[in-house]
């Protein structure tokens, strides 16, 4: 198989996949089951983001406290 035939076959496959996705995905996206799964996944993702953000803020506050203590100790040996 030459490089040109490989590129042509890859492009044809990519085009066909895009065509199928364009025809099938709108129908799948409108189904109630897909909507429920998507909403559930988004809710879990949002909860994960909120938990990660809270953890980050806690770590940041602890680091700021340690920095302030270290700064105070450095200034008052």
Protein backbone atom coordinates (compact mmCIF):
# COMPACT_ATOMS: atom_id res chain seq x y z
CA UNK A 1 0.00 0.00 0.00
CA UNK A 2 1.45 3.32 -1.00
CA UNK A 3 1.34 6.41 1.14
CA UNK A 4 -1.12 8.09 -1.24
CA UNK A 5 -3.58 5.20 -1.12
CA UNK A 6 -3.28 5.14 2.68
CA UNK A 7 -4.14 8.86 2.91
CA UNK A 8 -7.03 8.46 0.49
CA UNK A 9 -8.46 5.51 2.40
CA UNK A 10 -7.99 7.35 5.71
CA UNK A 11 -9.80 10.40 4.34
CA UNK A 12 -12.62 8.28 2.97
CA UNK A 13 -13.02 6.52 6.32
CA UNK A 14 -12.96 9.83 8.18
CA UNK A 15 -15.56 11.28 5.82
CA UNK A 16 -17.78 8.21 6.18
CA UNK A 17 -17.48 8.31 9.98
CA UNK A 18 -18.39 12.00 10.00
CA UNK A 19 -21.36 11.36 7.75
CA UNK A 20 -22.63 8.55 9.95
CA UNK A 21 -22.10 10.63 13.08
CA UNK A 22 -23.97 13.53 11.52
CA UNK A 23 -26.92 11.32 10.70
CA UNK A 24 -27.04 9.16 13.83
CA UNK A 25 -26.01 11.50 16.66
CA UNK A 26 -28.95 13.93 16.42
CA UNK A 27 -31.40 11.04 16.80
CA UNK A 28 -29.44 9.55 19.69
CA UNK A 29 -29.07 12.94 21.37
CA UNK A 30 -32.84 13.42 21.41
CA UNK A 31 -33.62 10.13 23.14
CA UNK A 32 -34.74 10.30 26.77
CA UNK A 33 -32.25 7.67 27.89
CA UNK A 34 -29.34 9.58 26.38
CA UNK A 35 -30.56 12.77 28.01
CA UNK A 36 -30.81 11.10 31.42
CA UNK A 37 -27.30 9.66 31.07
CA UNK A 38 -25.90 13.01 29.93
CA UNK A 39 -27.58 14.92 32.77
CA UNK A 40 -26.33 12.37 35.30
CA UNK A 41 -22.80 12.54 33.92
CA UNK A 42 -22.85 16.35 33.99
CA UNK A 43 -24.15 16.38 37.56
CA UNK A 44 -21.39 14.02 38.68
CA UNK A 45 -18.82 16.10 36.82
CA UNK A 46 -20.05 19.28 38.49
CA UNK A 47 -19.93 17.65 41.92
CA UNK A 48 -16.39 16.43 41.22
CA UNK A 49 -15.37 19.94 40.14
CA UNK A 50 -16.90 21.46 43.27
CA UNK A 51 -15.13 18.94 45.51
CA UNK A 52 -11.82 19.51 43.75
CA UNK A 53 -12.23 23.26 44.04
CA UNK A 54 -13.02 23.02 47.76
CA UNK A 55 -9.97 20.80 48.29
CA UNK A 56 -7.81 23.25 46.34
CA UNK A 57 -9.04 26.19 48.40
CA UNK A 58 -8.35 24.30 51.64
CA UNK A 59 -4.82 23.43 50.53
CA UNK A 60 -4.27 27.02 49.39
CA UNK A 61 -5.41 28.42 52.74
CA UNK A 62 -3.16 25.98 54.63
CA UNK A 63 -0.20 26.97 52.46
CA UNK A 64 -0.92 30.67 53.03
CA UNK A 65 -1.10 30.08 56.79
CA UNK A 66 2.23 28.22 56.76
CA UNK A 67 3.78 30.98 54.67
CA UNK A 68 2.55 33.64 57.10
CA UNK A 69 3.91 31.67 60.07
CA UNK A 70 7.24 31.15 58.33
CA UNK A 71 7.44 34.82 57.39
CA UNK A 72 6.69 35.83 60.99
CA UNK A 73 9.30 33.40 62.34
CA UNK A 74 11.89 34.68 59.83
CA UNK A 75 11.26 38.28 60.87
CA UNK A 76 11.27 37.51 64.62
CA UNK A 77 13.97 34.87 65.22
